[in-house]
Amino acid sequence: MELHLDFIEDKVEFFEASELSKLEAIIQEKIEQNKALLLRIHHVSHQVNIDPSSGKRLYSAVVHFRYKG
């Protein structure tokens, strides 16, 4: 029996929250989880959208993780 392991080299994840502090906490938790997979942050992109009818904000982020061997 042969065991072959492949590394995840790139991983892109999307996050959103109603508060910036919540978004930061979610991303920080994911960073810690991805460290176990030897993935580090390569790039982060974020934005905020405002609902014109209610004025509520929605914070979103895209985080690109990359393998660091």
PDB file of N, CA and C in Angstrom:
ATOM      1  N   MET A   1       0.838  -1.175   0.000  1.00  0.00           N
ATOM      2  CA  MET A   1       0.000   0.000   0.000  1.00  0.00           C
ATOM      3  C   MET A   1       0.889   1.246   0.000  1.00  0.00           C
ATOM      4  N   GLU A   2       0.591   2.162  -0.898  1.00  0.00           N
ATOM      5  CA  GLU A   2       1.392   3.372  -1.021  1.00  0.00           C
ATOM      6  C   GLU A   2       0.581   4.576  -0.564  1.00  0.00           C
ATOM      7  N   LEU A   3       1.214   5.409   0.225  1.00  0.00           N
ATOM      8  CA  LEU A   3       0.557   6.612   0.722  1.00  0.00           C
ATOM      9  C   LEU A   3       1.209   7.822   0.072  1.00  0.00           C
ATOM     10  N   HIS A   4       0.400   8.627  -0.591  1.00  0.00           N
ATOM     11  CA  HIS A   4       0.918   9.810  -1.288  1.00  0.00           C
ATOM     12  C   HIS A   4       0.185  11.041  -0.769  1.00  0.00           C
ATOM     13  N   LEU A   5       0.927  11.995  -0.240  1.00  0.00           N
ATOM     14  CA  LEU A   5       0.328  13.217   0.299  1.00  0.00           C
ATOM     15  C   LEU A   5       0.633  14.400  -0.616  1.00  0.00           C
ATOM     16  N   ASP A   6      -0.376  15.153  -0.937  1.00  0.00           N
ATOM     17  CA  ASP A   6      -0.206  16.386  -1.710  1.00  0.00           C
ATOM     18  C   ASP A   6      -0.451  17.575  -0.799  1.00  0.00           C
ATOM     19  N   PHE A   7       0.377  18.590  -0.952  1.00  0.00           N
ATOM     20  CA  PHE A   7       0.209  19.811  -0.176  1.00  0.00           C
ATOM     21  C   PHE A   7      -0.757  20.750  -0.886  1.00  0.00           C
ATOM     22  N   ILE A   8      -1.533  21.471  -0.103  1.00  0.00           N
ATOM     23  CA  ILE A   8      -2.337  22.553  -0.650  1.00  0.00           C
ATOM     24  C   ILE A   8      -1.381  23.716  -0.838  1.00  0.00           C
ATOM     25  N   GLU A   9      -1.230  24.177  -2.051  1.00  0.00           N
ATOM     26  CA  GLU A   9      -0.284  25.252  -2.314  1.00  0.00           C
ATOM     27  C   GLU A   9      -0.934  26.630  -2.279  1.00  0.00           C
ATOM     28  N   ASP A  10      -2.167  26.716  -2.713  1.00  0.00           N
ATOM     29  CA  ASP A  10      -2.907  27.977  -2.717  1.00  0.00           C
ATOM     30  C   ASP A  10      -4.323  27.729  -2.234  1.00  0.00           C
ATOM     31  N   LYS A  11      -4.830  28.686  -1.464  1.00  0.00           N
ATOM     32  CA  LYS A  11      -6.190  28.571  -0.945  1.00  0.00           C
ATOM     33  C   LYS A  11      -6.741  29.989  -0.813  1.00  0.00           C
ATOM     34  N   VAL A  12      -7.924  30.228  -1.349  1.00  0.00           N
ATOM     35  CA  VAL A  12      -8.562  31.533  -1.269  1.00  0.00           C
ATOM     36  C   VAL A  12      -9.853  31.369  -0.477  1.00  0.00           C
ATOM     37  N   GLU A  13     -10.023  32.219   0.536  1.00  0.00           N
ATOM     38  CA  GLU A  13     -11.218  32.147   1.363  1.00  0.00           C
ATOM     39  C   GLU A  13     -11.889  33.513   1.416  1.00  0.00           C
ATOM     40  N   PHE A  14     -13.209  33.496   1.548  1.00  0.00           N
ATOM     41  CA  PHE A  14     -14.022  34.709   1.573  1.00  0.00           C
ATOM     42  C   PHE A  14     -14.716  34.812   2.928  1.00  0.00           C
ATOM     43  N   PHE A  15     -14.750  36.017   3.464  1.00  0.00           N
ATOM     44  CA  PHE A  15     -15.346  36.243   4.773  1.00  0.00           C
ATOM     45  C   PHE A  15     -16.221  37.487   4.731  1.00  0.00           C
ATOM     46  N   GLU A  16     -17.262  37.515   5.592  1.00  0.00           N
ATOM     47  CA  GLU A  16     -18.067  38.721   5.730  1.00  0.00           C
ATOM     48  C   GLU A  16     -18.636  38.790   7.137  1.00  0.00           C
ATOM     49  N   ALA A  17     -18.869  40.025   7.595  1.00  0.00           N
ATOM     50  CA  ALA A  17     -19.422  40.249   8.926  1.00  0.00           C
ATOM     51  C   ALA A  17     -20.057  41.629   8.962  1.00  0.00           C
ATOM     52  N   SER A  18     -20.919  41.812   9.947  1.00  0.00           N
ATOM     53  CA  SER A  18     -21.610  43.097  10.080  1.00  0.00           C
ATOM     54  C   SER A  18     -20.781  44.126  10.837  1.00  0.00           C
ATOM     55  N   GLU A  19     -19.708  43.669  11.511  1.00  0.00           N
ATOM     56  CA  GLU A  19     -18.819  44.568  12.243  1.00  0.00           C
ATOM     57  C   GLU A  19     -17.374  44.247  11.884  1.00  0.00           C
ATOM     58  N   LEU A  20     -16.563  45.275  11.819  1.00  0.00           N
ATOM     59  CA  LEU A  20     -15.162  45.091  11.451  1.00  0.00           C
ATOM     60  C   LEU A  20     -14.425  44.226  12.470  1.00  0.00           C
ATOM     61  N   SER A  21     -14.714  44.412  13.746  1.00  0.00           N
ATOM     62  CA  SER A  21     -14.044  43.614  14.780  1.00  0.00           C
ATOM     63  C   SER A  21     -14.377  42.127  14.646  1.00  0.00           C
ATOM     64  N   LYS A  22     -15.606  41.826  14.263  1.00  0.00           N
ATOM     65  CA  LYS A  22     -15.996  40.421  14.049  1.00  0.00           C
ATOM     66  C   LYS A  22     -15.265  39.835  12.847  1.00  0.00           C
ATOM     67  N   LEU A  23     -15.148  40.624  11.793  1.00  0.00           N
ATOM     68  CA  LEU A  23     -14.430  40.168  10.602  1.00  0.00           C
ATOM     69  C   LEU A  23     -12.974  39.869  10.938  1.00  0.00           C
ATOM     70  N   GLU A  24     -12.344  40.757  11.704  1.00  0.00           N
ATOM     71  CA  GLU A  24     -10.955  40.543  12.106  1.00  0.00           C
ATOM     72  C   GLU A  24     -10.803  39.272  12.934  1.00  0.00           C
ATOM     73  N   ALA A  25     -11.740  39.024  13.831  1.00  0.00           N
ATOM     74  CA  ALA A  25     -11.685  37.818  14.671  1.00  0.00           C
ATOM     75  C   ALA A  25     -11.842  36.553  13.833  1.00  0.00           C
ATOM     76  N   ILE A  26     -12.748  36.583  12.874  1.00  0.00           N
ATOM     77  CA  ILE A  26     -12.961  35.428  11.996  1.00  0.00           C
ATOM     78  C   ILE A  26     -11.692  35.129  11.195  1.00  0.00           C
ATOM     79  N   ILE A  27     -11.095  36.171  10.638  1.00  0.00           N
ATOM     80  CA  ILE A  27      -9.881  35.989   9.836  1.00  0.00           C
ATOM     81  C   ILE A  27      -8.739  35.481  10.710  1.00  0.00           C
ATOM     82  N   GLN A  28      -8.589  36.028  11.912  1.00  0.00           N
ATOM     83  CA  GLN A  28      -7.513  35.599  12.806  1.00  0.00           C
ATOM     84  C   GLN A  28      -7.655  34.123  13.166  1.00  0.00           C
ATOM     85  N   GLU A  29      -8.881  33.681  13.415  1.00  0.00           N
ATOM     86  CA  GLU A  29      -9.121  32.267  13.710  1.00  0.00           C
ATOM     87  C   GLU A  29      -8.729  31.393  12.527  1.00  0.00           C
ATOM     88  N   LYS A  30      -9.061  31.838  11.308  1.00  0.00           N
ATOM     89  CA  LYS A  30      -8.730  31.069  10.111  1.00  0.00           C
ATOM     90  C   LYS A  30      -7.218  31.035   9.874  1.00  0.00           C
ATOM     91  N   ILE A  31      -6.535  32.125  10.211  1.00  0.00           N
ATOM     92  CA  ILE A  31      -5.075  32.146  10.090  1.00  0.00           C
ATOM     93  C   ILE A  31      -4.466  31.051  10.961  1.00  0.00           C
ATOM     94  N   GLU A  32      -4.941  30.943  12.185  1.00  0.00           N
ATOM     95  CA  GLU A  32      -4.425  29.925  13.103  1.00  0.00           C
ATOM     96  C   GLU A  32      -4.708  28.516  12.581  1.00  0.00           C
ATOM     97  N   GLN A  33      -5.893  28.288  12.024  1.00  0.00           N
ATOM     98  CA  GLN A  33      -6.232  26.978  11.472  1.00  0.00           C
ATOM     99  C   GLN A  33      -5.340  26.633  10.280  1.00  0.00           C
ATOM    100  N   ASN A  34      -5.069  27.615   9.433  1.00  0.00           N
ATOM    101  CA  ASN A  34      -4.277  27.363   8.233  1.00  0.00           C
ATOM    102  C   ASN A  34      -2.790  27.211   8.526  1.00  0.00           C
ATOM    103  N   LYS A  35      -2.337  27.676   9.682  1.00  0.00           N
ATOM    104  CA  LYS A  35      -0.940  27.457  10.070  1.00  0.00           C
ATOM    105  C   LYS A  35      -0.640  25.964  10.183  1.00  0.00           C
ATOM    106  N   ALA A  36      -1.638  25.201  10.623  1.00  0.00           N
ATOM    107  CA  ALA A  36      -1.472  23.744  10.733  1.00  0.00           C
ATOM    108  C   ALA A  36      -1.259  23.107   9.371  1.00  0.00           C
ATOM    109  N   LEU A  37      -1.753  23.758   8.314  1.00  0.00           N
ATOM    110  CA  LEU A  37      -1.575  23.272   6.943  1.00  0.00           C
ATOM    111  C   LEU A  37      -0.356  23.889   6.269  1.00  0.00           C
ATOM    112  N   LEU A  38       0.439  24.621   7.056  1.00  0.00           N
ATOM    113  CA  LEU A  38       1.638  25.325   6.569  1.00  0.00           C
ATOM    114  C   LEU A  38       1.290  26.396   5.535  1.00  0.00           C
ATOM    115  N   LEU A  39       0.115  27.000   5.704  1.00  0.00           N
ATOM    116  CA  LEU A  39      -0.308  28.067   4.809  1.00  0.00           C
ATOM    117  C   LEU A  39      -0.155  29.405   5.523  1.00  0.00           C
ATOM    118  N   ARG A  40       0.373  30.374   4.810  1.00  0.00           N
ATOM    119  CA  ARG A  40       0.540  31.727   5.338  1.00  0.00           C
ATOM    120  C   ARG A  40      -0.193  32.700   4.431  1.00  0.00           C
ATOM    121  N   ILE A  41      -0.493  33.875   4.952  1.00  0.00           N
ATOM    122  CA  ILE A  41      -1.196  34.880   4.147  1.00  0.00           C
ATOM    123  C   ILE A  41      -0.282  35.408   3.053  1.00  0.00           C
ATOM    124  N   HIS A  42      -0.809  35.407   1.848  1.00  0.00           N
ATOM    125  CA  HIS A  42      -0.099  35.969   0.702  1.00  0.00           C
ATOM    126  C   HIS A  42      -0.663  37.345   0.352  1.00  0.00           C
ATOM    127  N   HIS A  43      -1.993  37.470   0.401  1.00  0.00           N
ATOM    128  CA  HIS A  43      -2.629  38.737   0.034  1.00  0.00           C
ATOM    129  C   HIS A  43      -4.007  38.839   0.688  1.00  0.00           C
ATOM    130  N   VAL A  44      -4.364  40.058   1.085  1.00  0.00           N
ATOM    131  CA  VAL A  44      -5.692  40.319   1.654  1.00  0.00           C
ATOM    132  C   VAL A  44      -6.314  41.487   0.907  1.00  0.00           C
ATOM    133  N   SER A  45      -7.580  41.340   0.575  1.00  0.00           N
ATOM    134  CA  SER A  45      -8.348  42.419  -0.045  1.00  0.00           C
ATOM    135  C   SER A  45      -9.643  42.559   0.743  1.00  0.00           C
ATOM    136  N   HIS A  46     -10.030  43.790   1.039  1.00  0.00           N
ATOM    137  CA  HIS A  46     -11.243  43.974   1.826  1.00  0.00           C
ATOM    138  C   HIS A  46     -12.029  45.171   1.324  1.00  0.00           C
ATOM    139  N   GLN A  47     -13.300  45.200   1.694  1.00  0.00           N
ATOM    140  CA  GLN A  47     -14.144  46.325   1.310  1.00  0.00           C
ATOM    141  C   GLN A  47     -15.338  46.397   2.250  1.00  0.00           C
ATOM    142  N   VAL A  48     -16.022  47.536   2.209  1.00  0.00           N
ATOM    143  CA  VAL A  48     -17.243  47.719   2.979  1.00  0.00           C
ATOM    144  C   VAL A  48     -18.334  48.186   2.029  1.00  0.00           C
ATOM    145  N   ASN A  49     -19.509  47.599   2.186  1.00  0.00           N
ATOM    146  CA  ASN A  49     -20.680  47.986   1.392  1.00  0.00           C
ATOM    147  C   ASN A  49     -21.744  48.506   2.341  1.00  0.00           C
ATOM    148  N   ILE A  50     -22.455  49.525   1.903  1.00  0.00           N
ATOM    149  CA  ILE A  50     -23.511  50.104   2.712  1.00  0.00           C
ATOM    150  C   ILE A  50     -24.843  49.913   1.994  1.00  0.00           C
ATOM    151  N   ASP A  51     -25.794  49.325   2.710  1.00  0.00           N
ATOM    152  CA  ASP A  51     -27.134  49.127   2.171  1.00  0.00           C
ATOM    153  C   ASP A  51     -27.835  50.490   2.143  1.00  0.00           C
ATOM    154  N   PRO A  52     -28.203  50.980   0.954  1.00  0.00           N
ATOM    155  CA  PRO A  52     -28.796  52.318   0.864  1.00  0.00           C
ATOM    156  C   PRO A  52     -30.127  52.463   1.606  1.00  0.00           C
ATOM    157  N   SER A  53     -30.893  51.394   1.710  1.00  0.00           N
ATOM    158  CA  SER A  53     -32.205  51.503   2.362  1.00  0.00           C
ATOM    159  C   SER A  53     -32.109  51.507   3.888  1.00  0.00           C
ATOM    160  N   SER A  54     -31.189  50.719   4.435  1.00  0.00           N
ATOM    161  CA  SER A  54     -31.097  50.629   5.902  1.00  0.00           C
ATOM    162  C   SER A  54     -29.887  51.355   6.477  1.00  0.00           C
ATOM    163  N   GLY A  55     -28.890  51.608   5.632  1.00  0.00           N
ATOM    164  CA  GLY A  55     -27.665  52.250   6.111  1.00  0.00           C
ATOM    165  C   GLY A  55     -26.720  51.307   6.826  1.00  0.00           C
ATOM    166  N   LYS A  56     -27.061  50.021   6.860  1.00  0.00           N
ATOM    167  CA  LYS A  56     -26.191  49.039   7.530  1.00  0.00           C
ATOM    168  C   LYS A  56     -24.965  48.746   6.676  1.00  0.00           C
ATOM    169  N   ARG A  57     -23.872  48.483   7.359  1.00  0.00           N
ATOM    170  CA  ARG A  57     -22.614  48.173   6.681  1.00  0.00           C
ATOM    171  C   ARG A  57     -22.365  46.671   6.676  1.00  0.00           C
ATOM    172  N   LEU A  58     -21.753  46.203   5.603  1.00  0.00           N
ATOM    173  CA  LEU A  58     -21.341  44.809   5.495  1.00  0.00           C
ATOM    174  C   LEU A  58     -19.867  44.810   5.100  1.00  0.00           C
ATOM    175  N   TYR A  59     -19.049  44.286   5.994  1.00  0.00           N
ATOM    176  CA  TYR A  59     -17.608  44.215   5.759  1.00  0.00           C
ATOM    177  C   TYR A  59     -17.284  42.854   5.154  1.00  0.00           C
ATOM    178  N   SER A  60     -16.444  42.851   4.132  1.00  0.00           N
ATOM    179  CA  SER A  60     -16.052  41.585   3.504  1.00  0.00           C
ATOM    180  C   SER A  60     -14.556  41.599   3.225  1.00  0.00           C
ATOM    181  N   ALA A  61     -14.007  40.397   3.133  1.00  0.00           N
ATOM    182  CA  ALA A  61     -12.577  40.256   2.869  1.00  0.00           C
ATOM    183  C   ALA A  61     -12.328  38.979   2.076  1.00  0.00           C
ATOM    184  N   VAL A  62     -11.312  39.041   1.242  1.00  0.00           N
ATOM    185  CA  VAL A  62     -10.809  37.876   0.517  1.00  0.00           C
ATOM    186  C   VAL A  62      -9.372  37.684   0.964  1.00  0.00           C
ATOM    187  N   VAL A  63      -9.059  36.489   1.441  1.00  0.00           N
ATOM    188  CA  VAL A  63      -7.708  36.199   1.927  1.00  0.00           C
ATOM    189  C   VAL A  63      -7.113  35.074   1.093  1.00  0.00           C
ATOM    190  N   HIS A  64      -5.951  35.342   0.513  1.00  0.00           N
ATOM    191  CA  HIS A  64      -5.239  34.347  -0.285  1.00  0.00           C
ATOM    192  C   HIS A  64      -4.134  33.764   0.597  1.00  0.00           C
ATOM    193  N   PHE A  65      -4.233  32.483   0.871  1.00  0.00           N
ATOM    194  CA  PHE A  65      -3.211  31.768   1.645  1.00  0.00           C
ATOM    195  C   PHE A  65      -2.317  31.018   0.674  1.00  0.00           C
ATOM    196  N   ARG A  66      -1.033  30.952   0.980  1.00  0.00           N
ATOM    197  CA  ARG A  66      -0.072  30.265   0.121  1.00  0.00           C
ATOM    198  C   ARG A  66       0.855  29.399   0.978  1.00  0.00           C
ATOM    199  N   TYR A  67       1.241  28.276   0.442  1.00  0.00           N
ATOM    200  CA  TYR A  67       2.140  27.334   1.126  1.00  0.00           C
ATOM    201  C   TYR A  67       3.520  27.954   1.309  1.00  0.00           C
ATOM    202  N   LYS A  68       4.007  27.865   2.521  1.00  0.00           N
ATOM    203  CA  LYS A  68       5.368  28.331   2.833  1.00  0.00           C
ATOM    204  C   LYS A  68       6.144  27.153   3.405  1.00  0.00           C
ATOM    205  N   GLY A  69       6.906  26.520   2.563  1.00  0.00           N
ATOM    206  CA  GLY A  69       7.636  25.331   2.981  1.00  0.00           C
ATOM    207  C   GLY A  69       8.957  25.590   3.599  1.00  0.00           C
TER     208      GLY A  69
END
